[in-house]
Amino acid sequence: MATIYTAHATSIGGRQGHVESDDKKVSFDLSSPGSGGAGTNPEQLFAAGYAACFGGALGFIAKQQGIELPAAPMIKSSVDLNKGDDGFSLGATLDVQLEGLDDAVAKKLVHDTHGFCPYSKATRGNITVTLKLNGDEI
């Protein structure tokens, strides 16, 4: 496997600190989820990254399968921070907004994308990921 890109980021101070990429394109103050603090949190950053990655993967898979998308797909990503007896864990929901495609074609496209997306591969077997199409679980 050939590495095509490596991202670098540094966090200082954990959930109450600051995170920044080496090129300074990402630079955020952090605050804990639900704290009311002014900063973002790791769950929001993960949700944004997952949505963007899944959207790009969906476009790639659609092109490979000869599916012309009627509009740019919108991915609504939710990331849950859960607390159980064994500590904290994450969960995610991806709600793919795909209007104008046959329902069966759209569902297959979403499932195929989930099999291909690097974020989906990274989370597989580690967290529960719920897939939705236009608001309905698939």
N, C-alpha and C. Protein backbone atom coordinates (compact mmCIF):
# COMPACT_ATOMS: atom_id res chain seq x y z
N MET A 1 0.85 -1.18 0.00
CA MET A 1 0.00 0.00 0.00
C MET A 1 0.89 1.23 0.00
N ALA A 2 0.57 2.20 -0.85
CA ALA A 2 1.33 3.43 -0.95
C ALA A 2 0.58 4.55 -0.24
N THR A 3 1.27 5.26 0.62
CA THR A 3 0.67 6.42 1.30
C THR A 3 0.62 7.57 0.31
N ILE A 4 -0.58 8.16 0.13
CA ILE A 4 -0.72 9.27 -0.80
C ILE A 4 -0.82 10.63 -0.09
N TYR A 5 -1.07 10.62 1.21
CA TYR A 5 -1.16 11.86 1.96
C TYR A 5 -1.09 11.53 3.45
N THR A 6 -0.42 12.39 4.21
CA THR A 6 -0.38 12.27 5.66
C THR A 6 -0.75 13.61 6.26
N ALA A 7 -1.76 13.61 7.11
CA ALA A 7 -2.16 14.83 7.82
C ALA A 7 -1.45 14.86 9.17
N HIS A 8 -1.10 16.05 9.61
CA HIS A 8 -0.44 16.23 10.89
C HIS A 8 -1.19 17.27 11.71
N ALA A 9 -1.45 16.96 12.96
CA ALA A 9 -2.11 17.90 13.85
C ALA A 9 -1.56 17.71 15.26
N THR A 10 -1.61 18.78 16.02
CA THR A 10 -1.15 18.75 17.41
C THR A 10 -2.25 19.29 18.30
N SER A 11 -2.47 18.61 19.41
CA SER A 11 -3.42 19.07 20.41
C SER A 11 -2.67 19.40 21.68
N ILE A 12 -2.98 20.55 22.25
CA ILE A 12 -2.40 20.96 23.53
C ILE A 12 -3.57 21.22 24.48
N GLY A 13 -3.59 20.55 25.60
CA GLY A 13 -4.62 20.79 26.61
C GLY A 13 -5.87 19.95 26.49
N GLY A 14 -5.86 18.95 25.61
CA GLY A 14 -7.01 18.05 25.51
C GLY A 14 -8.30 18.76 25.14
N ARG A 15 -9.39 18.35 25.75
CA ARG A 15 -10.72 18.87 25.41
C ARG A 15 -10.92 20.32 25.80
N GLN A 16 -10.06 20.88 26.61
CA GLN A 16 -10.16 22.29 26.99
C GLN A 16 -9.02 23.11 26.39
N GLY A 17 -8.39 22.57 25.35
CA GLY A 17 -7.20 23.21 24.81
C GLY A 17 -7.36 23.74 23.40
N HIS A 18 -6.40 23.39 22.57
CA HIS A 18 -6.33 23.90 21.20
C HIS A 18 -5.79 22.79 20.31
N VAL A 19 -6.28 22.74 19.08
CA VAL A 19 -5.79 21.78 18.09
C VAL A 19 -5.43 22.55 16.82
N GLU A 20 -4.33 22.13 16.19
CA GLU A 20 -3.87 22.85 15.02
C GLU A 20 -3.11 21.92 14.10
N SER A 21 -3.35 22.09 12.78
CA SER A 21 -2.59 21.31 11.81
C SER A 21 -1.25 22.00 11.56
N ASP A 22 -0.30 21.21 11.04
CA ASP A 22 1.04 21.76 10.84
C ASP A 22 1.05 22.91 9.84
N ASP A 23 0.10 22.94 8.90
CA ASP A 23 0.04 24.03 7.92
C ASP A 23 -0.88 25.17 8.36
N LYS A 24 -1.42 25.06 9.58
CA LYS A 24 -2.29 26.08 10.20
C LYS A 24 -3.65 26.25 9.52
N LYS A 25 -4.00 25.36 8.55
CA LYS A 25 -5.31 25.46 7.90
C LYS A 25 -6.42 25.04 8.86
N VAL A 26 -6.09 24.20 9.82
CA VAL A 26 -7.00 23.84 10.90
C VAL A 26 -6.42 24.43 12.17
N SER A 27 -7.20 25.25 12.84
CA SER A 27 -6.74 25.86 14.08
C SER A 27 -7.97 26.20 14.91
N PHE A 28 -8.24 25.37 15.93
CA PHE A 28 -9.44 25.52 16.73
C PHE A 28 -9.15 25.46 18.22
N ASP A 29 -9.84 26.32 18.98
CA ASP A 29 -9.90 26.13 20.42
C ASP A 29 -10.93 25.05 20.68
N LEU A 30 -10.73 24.30 21.74
CA LEU A 30 -11.61 23.17 22.07
C LEU A 30 -12.32 23.41 23.39
N SER A 31 -13.49 22.83 23.50
CA SER A 31 -14.21 22.78 24.77
C SER A 31 -15.00 21.48 24.80
N SER A 32 -15.23 20.98 25.98
CA SER A 32 -15.92 19.70 26.13
C SER A 32 -17.34 19.78 25.61
N PRO A 33 -17.85 18.68 25.00
CA PRO A 33 -19.23 18.67 24.53
C PRO A 33 -20.20 18.99 25.66
N GLY A 34 -21.15 19.86 25.38
CA GLY A 34 -22.16 20.21 26.37
C GLY A 34 -21.71 21.21 27.41
N SER A 35 -20.46 21.65 27.35
CA SER A 35 -19.94 22.57 28.37
C SER A 35 -20.38 24.01 28.15
N GLY A 36 -20.83 24.31 26.95
CA GLY A 36 -21.18 25.69 26.64
C GLY A 36 -19.97 26.54 26.29
N GLY A 37 -18.80 25.93 26.24
CA GLY A 37 -17.59 26.67 25.90
C GLY A 37 -17.62 27.13 24.45
N ALA A 38 -16.76 28.07 24.13
CA ALA A 38 -16.75 28.68 22.81
C ALA A 38 -16.13 27.79 21.73
N GLY A 39 -15.34 26.80 22.13
CA GLY A 39 -14.63 25.98 21.16
C GLY A 39 -15.43 24.82 20.61
N THR A 40 -14.88 24.22 19.57
CA THR A 40 -15.45 23.01 19.01
C THR A 40 -15.00 21.82 19.86
N ASN A 41 -15.34 20.62 19.45
CA ASN A 41 -14.90 19.43 20.18
C ASN A 41 -14.53 18.33 19.20
N PRO A 42 -13.82 17.31 19.66
CA PRO A 42 -13.38 16.25 18.75
C PRO A 42 -14.53 15.55 18.03
N GLU A 43 -15.68 15.45 18.66
CA GLU A 43 -16.81 14.77 18.02
C GLU A 43 -17.31 15.58 16.81
N GLN A 44 -17.34 16.91 16.94
CA GLN A 44 -17.74 17.75 15.81
C GLN A 44 -16.73 17.64 14.67
N LEU A 45 -15.46 17.63 15.01
CA LEU A 45 -14.42 17.52 13.99
C LEU A 45 -14.50 16.17 13.29
N PHE A 46 -14.75 15.11 14.05
CA PHE A 46 -14.89 13.77 13.46
C PHE A 46 -16.11 13.71 12.56
N ALA A 47 -17.23 14.29 13.01
CA ALA A 47 -18.46 14.30 12.21
C ALA A 47 -18.23 15.03 10.89
N ALA A 48 -17.54 16.16 10.93
CA ALA A 48 -17.27 16.92 9.72
C ALA A 48 -16.37 16.13 8.76
N GLY A 49 -15.33 15.52 9.30
CA GLY A 49 -14.42 14.73 8.47
C GLY A 49 -15.12 13.53 7.85
N TYR A 50 -15.93 12.84 8.65
CA TYR A 50 -16.63 11.64 8.15
C TYR A 50 -17.61 12.04 7.04
N ALA A 51 -18.36 13.12 7.24
CA ALA A 51 -19.32 13.56 6.24
C ALA A 51 -18.62 13.91 4.92
N ALA A 52 -17.52 14.64 5.02
CA ALA A 52 -16.79 15.03 3.81
C ALA A 52 -16.19 13.82 3.10
N CYS A 53 -15.60 12.92 3.85
CA CYS A 53 -14.99 11.72 3.27
C CYS A 53 -16.06 10.86 2.60
N PHE A 54 -17.18 10.65 3.29
CA PHE A 54 -18.24 9.81 2.75
C PHE A 54 -18.83 10.44 1.49
N GLY A 55 -18.99 11.76 1.48
CA GLY A 55 -19.50 12.43 0.29
C GLY A 55 -18.58 12.28 -0.90
N GLY A 56 -17.28 12.41 -0.66
CA GLY A 56 -16.31 12.21 -1.74
C GLY A 56 -16.31 10.78 -2.24
N ALA A 57 -16.37 9.84 -1.31
CA ALA A 57 -16.40 8.42 -1.68
C ALA A 57 -17.67 8.09 -2.46
N LEU A 58 -18.79 8.69 -2.07
CA LEU A 58 -20.05 8.44 -2.76
C LEU A 58 -19.97 8.92 -4.22
N GLY A 59 -19.40 10.08 -4.43
CA GLY A 59 -19.22 10.57 -5.80
C GLY A 59 -18.32 9.67 -6.62
N PHE A 60 -17.27 9.17 -6.00
CA PHE A 60 -16.33 8.27 -6.67
C PHE A 60 -17.02 6.97 -7.06
N ILE A 61 -17.74 6.37 -6.12
CA ILE A 61 -18.42 5.10 -6.38
C ILE A 61 -19.52 5.29 -7.43
N ALA A 62 -20.26 6.39 -7.34
CA ALA A 62 -21.31 6.66 -8.34
C ALA A 62 -20.70 6.72 -9.74
N LYS A 63 -19.58 7.40 -9.87
CA LYS A 63 -18.92 7.51 -11.17
C LYS A 63 -18.46 6.14 -11.67
N GLN A 64 -17.88 5.34 -10.77
CA GLN A 64 -17.43 4.00 -11.14
C GLN A 64 -18.59 3.13 -11.61
N GLN A 65 -19.76 3.32 -11.01
CA GLN A 65 -20.92 2.50 -11.35
C GLN A 65 -21.77 3.12 -12.47
N GLY A 66 -21.32 4.24 -13.03
CA GLY A 66 -22.04 4.88 -14.12
C GLY A 66 -23.34 5.54 -13.70
N ILE A 67 -23.41 5.93 -12.43
CA ILE A 67 -24.61 6.59 -11.91
C ILE A 67 -24.38 8.09 -11.95
N GLU A 68 -25.26 8.78 -12.65
CA GLU A 68 -25.19 10.24 -12.69
C GLU A 68 -26.02 10.79 -11.56
N LEU A 69 -25.37 11.49 -10.64
CA LEU A 69 -26.08 12.06 -9.51
C LEU A 69 -26.79 13.33 -9.95
N PRO A 70 -28.07 13.48 -9.59
CA PRO A 70 -28.83 14.66 -10.01
C PRO A 70 -28.34 15.96 -9.37
N ALA A 71 -27.68 15.86 -8.24
CA ALA A 71 -27.15 17.03 -7.53
C ALA A 71 -26.01 16.55 -6.65
N ALA A 72 -25.24 17.50 -6.15
CA ALA A 72 -24.17 17.14 -5.22
C ALA A 72 -24.80 16.50 -3.99
N PRO A 73 -24.32 15.33 -3.59
CA PRO A 73 -24.92 14.68 -2.42
C PRO A 73 -24.62 15.46 -1.14
N MET A 74 -25.60 15.49 -0.26
CA MET A 74 -25.41 16.10 1.06
C MET A 74 -25.38 14.97 2.08
N ILE A 75 -24.37 14.97 2.93
CA ILE A 75 -24.24 13.97 3.98
C ILE A 75 -24.39 14.67 5.32
N LYS A 76 -25.40 14.27 6.07
CA LYS A 76 -25.60 14.78 7.42
C LYS A 76 -25.01 13.73 8.37
N SER A 77 -23.96 14.10 9.04
CA SER A 77 -23.25 13.18 9.92
C SER A 77 -23.49 13.56 11.37
N SER A 78 -23.81 12.58 12.18
CA SER A 78 -23.96 12.76 13.63
C SER A 78 -22.99 11.82 14.31
N VAL A 79 -22.26 12.33 15.29
CA VAL A 79 -21.36 11.50 16.08
C VAL A 79 -21.77 11.62 17.54
N ASP A 80 -22.07 10.48 18.14
CA ASP A 80 -22.49 10.41 19.54
C ASP A 80 -21.30 10.06 20.42
N LEU A 81 -21.20 10.75 21.54
CA LEU A 81 -20.26 10.38 22.60
C LEU A 81 -21.10 9.69 23.66
N ASN A 82 -20.84 8.41 23.86
CA ASN A 82 -21.63 7.58 24.77
C ASN A 82 -20.83 7.24 26.02
N LYS A 83 -21.52 7.05 27.13
CA LYS A 83 -20.86 6.61 28.36
C LYS A 83 -21.57 5.37 28.86
N GLY A 84 -20.79 4.32 29.08
CA GLY A 84 -21.32 3.06 29.60
C GLY A 84 -20.50 2.60 30.78
N ASP A 85 -20.78 1.40 31.23
CA ASP A 85 -20.06 0.83 32.38
C ASP A 85 -18.57 0.67 32.11
N ASP A 86 -18.21 0.50 30.82
CA ASP A 86 -16.81 0.30 30.47
C ASP A 86 -16.12 1.59 30.02
N GLY A 87 -16.77 2.73 30.21
CA GLY A 87 -16.17 4.01 29.84
C GLY A 87 -16.89 4.66 28.66
N PHE A 88 -16.16 5.43 27.89
CA PHE A 88 -16.74 6.20 26.80
C PHE A 88 -16.57 5.48 25.47
N SER A 89 -17.51 5.73 24.55
CA SER A 89 -17.42 5.19 23.20
C SER A 89 -18.12 6.15 22.25
N LEU A 90 -17.92 5.91 20.97
CA LEU A 90 -18.55 6.73 19.94
C LEU A 90 -19.57 5.91 19.16
N GLY A 91 -20.49 6.59 18.54
CA GLY A 91 -21.42 6.03 17.58
C GLY A 91 -21.61 7.07 16.50
N ALA A 92 -22.02 6.65 15.31
CA ALA A 92 -22.19 7.61 14.22
C ALA A 92 -23.42 7.26 13.40
N THR A 93 -24.01 8.30 12.83
CA THR A 93 -25.11 8.15 11.87
C THR A 93 -24.77 8.99 10.65
N LEU A 94 -24.91 8.39 9.49
CA LEU A 94 -24.72 9.09 8.23
C LEU A 94 -26.06 9.10 7.52
N ASP A 95 -26.61 10.28 7.31
CA ASP A 95 -27.88 10.43 6.61
C ASP A 95 -27.56 11.03 5.24
N VAL A 96 -27.62 10.19 4.22
CA VAL A 96 -27.28 10.58 2.86
C VAL A 96 -28.53 11.13 2.18
N GLN A 97 -28.44 12.37 1.73
CA GLN A 97 -29.56 13.02 1.05
C GLN A 97 -29.35 12.87 -0.45
N LEU A 98 -30.11 11.94 -1.05
CA LEU A 98 -30.00 11.67 -2.49
C LEU A 98 -31.40 11.68 -3.09
N GLU A 99 -31.79 12.79 -3.61
CA GLU A 99 -33.10 12.90 -4.26
C GLU A 99 -32.93 12.61 -5.75
N GLY A 100 -33.97 12.08 -6.37
CA GLY A 100 -33.97 11.91 -7.81
C GLY A 100 -33.38 10.62 -8.31
N LEU A 101 -32.99 9.72 -7.42
CA LEU A 101 -32.49 8.40 -7.83
C LEU A 101 -33.50 7.34 -7.42
N ASP A 102 -33.56 6.27 -8.21
CA ASP A 102 -34.36 5.12 -7.82
C ASP A 102 -33.94 4.68 -6.43
N ASP A 103 -34.90 4.35 -5.57
CA ASP A 103 -34.63 4.01 -4.18
C ASP A 103 -33.65 2.84 -4.05
N ALA A 104 -33.85 1.78 -4.83
CA ALA A 104 -32.97 0.61 -4.75
C ALA A 104 -31.55 0.97 -5.20
N VAL A 105 -31.43 1.78 -6.23
CA VAL A 105 -30.11 2.21 -6.72
C VAL A 105 -29.42 3.06 -5.66
N ALA A 106 -30.17 3.98 -5.06
CA ALA A 106 -29.60 4.86 -4.03
C ALA A 106 -29.15 4.06 -2.81
N LYS A 107 -29.95 3.10 -2.36
CA LYS A 107 -29.57 2.28 -1.19
C LYS A 107 -28.31 1.48 -1.48
N LYS A 108 -28.23 0.87 -2.66
CA LYS A 108 -27.03 0.10 -3.02
C LYS A 108 -25.82 1.01 -3.07
N LEU A 109 -26.00 2.21 -3.62
CA LEU A 109 -24.90 3.16 -3.70
C LEU A 109 -24.39 3.54 -2.31
N VAL A 110 -25.30 3.77 -1.38
CA VAL A 110 -24.90 4.12 0.00
C VAL A 110 -24.15 2.95 0.64
N HIS A 111 -24.67 1.73 0.49
CA HIS A 111 -24.00 0.56 1.08
C HIS A 111 -22.64 0.33 0.45
N ASP A 112 -22.56 0.46 -0.88
CA ASP A 112 -21.27 0.28 -1.55
C ASP A 112 -20.27 1.35 -1.10
N THR A 113 -20.75 2.57 -0.92
CA THR A 113 -19.88 3.65 -0.45
C THR A 113 -19.38 3.36 0.96
N HIS A 114 -20.25 2.83 1.81
CA HIS A 114 -19.86 2.49 3.18
C HIS A 114 -18.77 1.42 3.18
N GLY A 115 -18.80 0.53 2.20
CA GLY A 115 -17.76 -0.49 2.08
C GLY A 115 -16.44 0.07 1.59
N PHE A 116 -16.47 1.23 0.93
CA PHE A 116 -15.29 1.82 0.31
C PHE A 116 -14.67 2.97 1.11
N CYS A 117 -15.47 3.77 1.77
CA CYS A 117 -15.02 4.99 2.45
C CYS A 117 -13.95 4.68 3.51
N PRO A 118 -12.82 5.40 3.49
CA PRO A 118 -11.78 5.15 4.49
C PRO A 118 -12.24 5.36 5.94
N TYR A 119 -13.11 6.33 6.19
CA TYR A 119 -13.62 6.53 7.55
C TYR A 119 -14.49 5.34 7.96
N SER A 120 -15.30 4.85 7.04
CA SER A 120 -16.14 3.68 7.34
C SER A 120 -15.27 2.46 7.63
N LYS A 121 -14.21 2.31 6.85
CA LYS A 121 -13.29 1.19 7.09
C LYS A 121 -12.64 1.32 8.46
N ALA A 122 -12.27 2.55 8.84
CA ALA A 122 -11.60 2.77 10.13
C ALA A 122 -12.53 2.49 11.31
N THR A 123 -13.81 2.72 11.13
CA THR A 123 -14.76 2.53 12.24
C THR A 123 -15.36 1.14 12.27
N ARG A 124 -15.27 0.41 11.17
CA ARG A 124 -15.91 -0.91 11.07
C ARG A 124 -15.44 -1.84 12.19
N GLY A 125 -16.40 -2.38 12.91
CA GLY A 125 -16.10 -3.29 14.01
C GLY A 125 -15.72 -2.58 15.30
N ASN A 126 -15.61 -1.26 15.26
CA ASN A 126 -15.21 -0.49 16.43
C ASN A 126 -16.35 0.31 17.04
N ILE A 127 -17.19 0.88 16.17
CA ILE A 127 -18.33 1.66 16.65
C ILE A 127 -19.55 1.31 15.79
N THR A 128 -20.72 1.59 16.30
CA THR A 128 -21.94 1.40 15.53
C THR A 128 -22.11 2.58 14.59
N VAL A 129 -22.27 2.28 13.30
CA VAL A 129 -22.54 3.31 12.30
C VAL A 129 -23.90 2.99 11.68
N THR A 130 -24.82 3.91 11.81
CA THR A 130 -26.16 3.77 11.24
C THR A 130 -26.22 4.53 9.92
N LEU A 131 -26.70 3.86 8.89
CA LEU A 131 -26.86 4.48 7.59
C LEU A 131 -28.31 4.86 7.36
N LYS A 132 -28.51 6.07 6.84
CA LYS A 132 -29.85 6.53 6.48
C LYS A 132 -29.81 7.07 5.06
N LEU A 133 -30.95 6.97 4.41
CA LEU A 133 -31.14 7.56 3.08
C LEU A 133 -32.34 8.48 3.16
N ASN A 134 -32.12 9.75 2.94
CA ASN A 134 -33.19 10.76 3.00
C ASN A 134 -33.99 10.66 4.31
N GLY A 135 -33.28 10.44 5.41
CA GLY A 135 -33.90 10.42 6.73
C GLY A 135 -34.38 9.08 7.22
N ASP A 136 -34.42 8.07 6.34
CA ASP A 136 -34.90 6.74 6.74
C ASP A 136 -33.76 5.77 6.86
N GLU A 137 -33.72 5.04 7.96
CA GLU A 137 -32.66 4.05 8.18
C GLU A 137 -32.72 2.97 7.11
N ILE A 138 -31.53 2.58 6.61
CA ILE A 138 -31.47 1.52 5.62
C ILE A 138 -30.62 0.37 6.14
